[in-house]
Amino acid sequence: MKKVLILMLIIVSTAGVSAQGIDFGVKAGVNFSSITDASGLDNRTGFVAGIFVGGKIGDKLGIQADLLYSQQGAEFKLGDFDLDYVNVPIVAKYFLTDNFNFHLGPQFGVLVNDKAQTVVGETINDIATNNFDISAVLGIGYDLPMGIRLDGRYSFGLSDVAKSGSGKNNVITLAVGYSFF
């Protein structure tokens, strides 16, 4: 996994340098997450924060990779289903105008913290979760003057969250970023 991340960052950096410059910055926002195919669960609101690097390849096409700490999961009355990931989305960006873009790509996540358990009476049952998550990302973005970046994304899980279940992560993310270059 580490080798794939390093390779993707090198590709993104090389593409940006040889094209129209690197776009590097920080971003933070809010997640609205849920787990599919699970009854009795409500949405969880959490935060997301991290860095991004990317660049344009021509006038209409770009690529961007993020390294994000992301609070995901769901809420329910009989316990917790809090999942915190380090996510690496790698998206291709299509620019409709100089500022407005659509983006699409895969996201790779590593579970760094889970509080997934049910509580019935005084009995606590831990829910076994998978350490990795693979999702697809679809989003829109708008680049404002002075390096401000706005984006909204929907990521839908392709892998199961629990080892013994069929639920997948679904996350809507609204974020604001600042590009240093």
Protein backbone atom coordinates (compact mmCIF):
# COMPACT_ATOMS: atom_id res chain seq x y z
CA MET A 1 0.00 0.00 0.00
CA LYS A 2 2.82 2.38 0.92
CA LYS A 3 4.57 1.74 -2.44
CA VAL A 4 1.37 2.53 -4.36
CA LEU A 5 0.92 5.83 -2.49
CA ILE A 6 4.52 6.90 -3.13
CA LEU A 7 4.25 5.99 -6.82
CA MET A 8 1.01 7.95 -7.22
CA LEU A 9 2.49 11.04 -5.53
CA ILE A 10 5.52 10.88 -7.84
CA ILE A 11 3.25 10.61 -10.90
CA VAL A 12 1.11 13.52 -9.74
CA SER A 13 4.17 15.66 -8.98
CA THR A 14 5.83 14.89 -12.31
CA ALA A 15 2.66 15.59 -14.28
CA GLY A 16 2.18 18.90 -12.50
CA VAL A 17 5.76 20.06 -12.99
CA SER A 18 5.87 19.19 -16.67
CA ALA A 19 2.47 20.73 -17.35
CA GLN A 20 1.37 24.00 -15.76
CA GLY A 21 2.78 23.88 -12.24
CA ILE A 22 1.98 22.18 -8.99
CA ASP A 23 -1.12 22.82 -6.93
CA PHE A 24 -0.26 22.05 -3.28
CA GLY A 25 -2.24 22.95 -0.20
CA VAL A 26 -4.30 22.11 2.85
CA LYS A 27 -7.99 21.39 3.17
CA ALA A 28 -10.57 20.80 5.89
CA GLY A 29 -14.28 20.20 6.00
CA VAL A 30 -17.18 18.15 7.22
CA ASN A 31 -18.28 14.58 6.45
CA PHE A 32 -21.82 13.25 6.48
CA SER A 33 -21.39 9.48 6.52
CA SER A 34 -23.53 6.36 6.67
CA ILE A 35 -23.21 2.62 6.21
CA THR A 36 -25.23 0.96 3.43
CA ASP A 37 -27.33 -2.17 3.96
CA ALA A 38 -27.57 -1.62 7.72
CA SER A 39 -30.85 -1.04 9.50
CA GLY A 40 -31.19 1.14 12.59
CA LEU A 41 -28.16 3.30 11.80
CA ASP A 42 -28.23 7.09 11.47
CA ASN A 43 -25.79 9.39 9.71
CA ARG A 44 -22.61 10.41 11.52
CA THR A 45 -21.23 13.92 11.16
CA GLY A 46 -17.45 14.19 11.42
CA PHE A 47 -14.55 16.21 10.15
CA VAL A 48 -12.00 15.70 7.42
CA ALA A 49 -8.62 17.43 7.13
CA GLY A 50 -5.37 16.99 5.25
CA ILE A 51 -3.22 18.01 2.32
CA PHE A 52 -3.52 17.83 -1.46
CA VAL A 53 -1.16 17.92 -4.43
CA GLY A 54 -2.03 18.05 -8.10
CA GLY A 55 -1.75 19.93 -11.32
CA LYS A 56 -3.31 20.64 -14.68
CA ILE A 57 -2.41 18.62 -17.73
CA GLY A 58 -3.48 20.95 -20.50
CA ASP A 59 -6.39 23.38 -20.32
CA LYS A 60 -9.20 20.96 -19.45
CA LEU A 61 -7.64 18.04 -17.57
CA GLY A 62 -5.93 17.75 -14.20
CA ILE A 63 -5.09 15.23 -11.51
CA GLN A 64 -5.09 15.54 -7.73
CA ALA A 65 -4.13 13.28 -4.82
CA ASP A 66 -5.13 13.99 -1.22
CA LEU A 67 -3.92 12.63 2.10
CA LEU A 68 -6.86 13.04 4.50
CA TYR A 69 -7.81 12.14 8.06
CA SER A 70 -11.51 11.33 7.82
CA GLN A 71 -14.12 10.62 10.51
CA GLN A 72 -16.73 8.23 9.10
CA GLY A 73 -19.16 5.57 10.29
CA ALA A 74 -22.69 5.81 11.61
CA GLU A 75 -24.65 6.29 14.81
CA PHE A 76 -27.16 4.02 16.49
CA LYS A 77 -28.89 3.76 19.86
CA LEU A 78 -27.30 0.53 21.10
CA GLY A 79 -23.62 1.35 20.58
CA ASP A 80 -21.00 3.06 18.46
CA PHE A 81 -19.90 2.68 14.88
CA ASP A 82 -17.20 5.36 14.67
CA LEU A 83 -14.56 4.72 12.01
CA ASP A 84 -11.58 7.02 11.43
CA TYR A 85 -9.55 6.55 8.26
CA VAL A 86 -6.51 7.96 6.54
CA ASN A 87 -7.85 8.24 2.99
CA VAL A 88 -5.96 8.79 -0.25
CA PRO A 89 -8.31 9.80 -3.07
CA ILE A 90 -6.66 10.13 -6.48
CA VAL A 91 -8.97 11.97 -8.85
CA ALA A 92 -8.91 13.07 -12.45
CA LYS A 93 -10.33 16.58 -12.82
CA TYR A 94 -12.14 17.88 -15.88
CA PHE A 95 -12.36 21.68 -16.01
CA LEU A 96 -15.50 23.10 -17.58
CA THR A 97 -14.09 26.60 -17.05
CA ASP A 98 -10.80 27.85 -15.61
CA ASN A 99 -12.33 27.59 -12.14
CA PHE A 100 -15.13 24.98 -12.19
CA ASN A 101 -14.33 21.25 -12.38
CA PHE A 102 -15.75 17.77 -12.02
CA HIS A 103 -13.61 15.02 -10.55
CA LEU A 104 -13.70 11.25 -10.44
CA GLY A 105 -11.40 8.52 -9.18
CA PRO A 106 -10.60 5.82 -6.63
CA GLN A 107 -10.00 6.29 -2.92
CA PHE A 108 -7.89 4.04 -0.74
CA GLY A 109 -8.44 4.12 3.02
CA VAL A 110 -6.61 2.68 6.02
CA LEU A 111 -8.57 2.33 9.25
CA VAL A 112 -6.63 4.08 12.03
CA ASN A 113 -9.26 4.09 14.79
CA ASP A 114 -12.48 2.19 15.26
CA LYS A 115 -15.04 2.29 17.99
CA ALA A 116 -17.42 -0.28 16.61
CA GLN A 117 -19.37 -2.04 19.31
CA THR A 118 -22.87 -2.83 20.48
CA VAL A 119 -24.02 -2.45 24.06
CA VAL A 120 -26.87 -4.63 25.32
CA GLY A 121 -27.42 -4.27 29.04
CA GLU A 122 -23.89 -4.46 30.43
CA THR A 123 -22.53 -6.65 27.64
CA ILE A 124 -20.23 -4.99 25.11
CA ASN A 125 -19.72 -6.78 21.79
CA ASP A 126 -16.97 -5.50 19.52
CA ILE A 127 -17.73 -5.50 15.80
CA ALA A 128 -14.80 -6.79 13.73
CA THR A 129 -13.96 -4.24 11.03
CA ASN A 130 -11.74 -4.44 7.95
CA ASN A 131 -8.48 -2.50 8.08
CA PHE A 132 -8.73 -1.23 4.48
CA ASP A 133 -11.45 0.52 2.53
CA ILE A 134 -11.75 1.08 -1.20
CA SER A 135 -14.23 3.64 -2.52
CA ALA A 136 -15.06 5.53 -5.68
CA VAL A 137 -15.16 9.33 -5.55
CA LEU A 138 -17.33 11.69 -7.60
CA GLY A 139 -17.27 15.42 -6.99
CA ILE A 140 -17.30 19.03 -8.10
CA GLY A 141 -14.89 21.81 -7.30
CA TYR A 142 -14.49 25.53 -7.69
CA ASP A 143 -11.17 27.40 -7.51
CA LEU A 144 -11.56 30.92 -6.15
CA PRO A 145 -8.98 33.71 -6.41
CA MET A 146 -6.09 33.84 -3.92
CA GLY A 147 -5.78 30.04 -3.73
CA ILE A 148 -9.13 29.22 -2.10
CA ARG A 149 -10.54 25.83 -3.18
CA LEU A 150 -14.11 24.62 -2.59
CA ASP A 151 -15.21 21.08 -3.27
CA GLY A 152 -18.04 18.70 -2.63
CA ARG A 153 -17.59 14.96 -2.99
CA TYR A 154 -19.58 11.80 -2.72
CA SER A 155 -17.60 8.65 -2.03
CA PHE A 156 -19.33 5.30 -2.16
CA GLY A 157 -17.71 2.22 -0.72
CA LEU A 158 -16.70 -0.71 -2.86
CA SER A 159 -15.49 -2.86 0.04
CA ASP A 160 -17.32 -4.01 3.17
CA VAL A 161 -16.73 -2.16 6.44
CA ALA A 162 -17.32 -5.11 8.79
CA LYS A 163 -15.64 -8.47 8.35
CA SER A 164 -18.96 -10.27 8.77
CA GLY A 165 -21.32 -7.93 6.95
CA SER A 166 -22.25 -6.32 3.69
CA GLY A 167 -22.32 -2.63 4.72
CA LYS A 168 -20.18 -0.14 2.84
CA ASN A 169 -19.13 3.45 3.58
CA ASN A 170 -21.12 6.26 1.97
CA VAL A 171 -19.74 9.73 2.62
CA ILE A 172 -20.65 13.23 1.48
CA THR A 173 -17.77 15.65 2.07
CA LEU A 174 -17.85 19.45 1.90
CA ALA A 175 -14.38 21.00 2.14
CA VAL A 176 -12.50 24.29 1.86
CA GLY A 177 -8.85 24.33 0.89
CA TYR A 178 -6.00 26.73 0.38
CA SER A 179 -3.38 26.28 -2.34
CA PHE A 180 0.10 27.64 -1.55
CA PHE A 181 1.16 27.87 -5.23
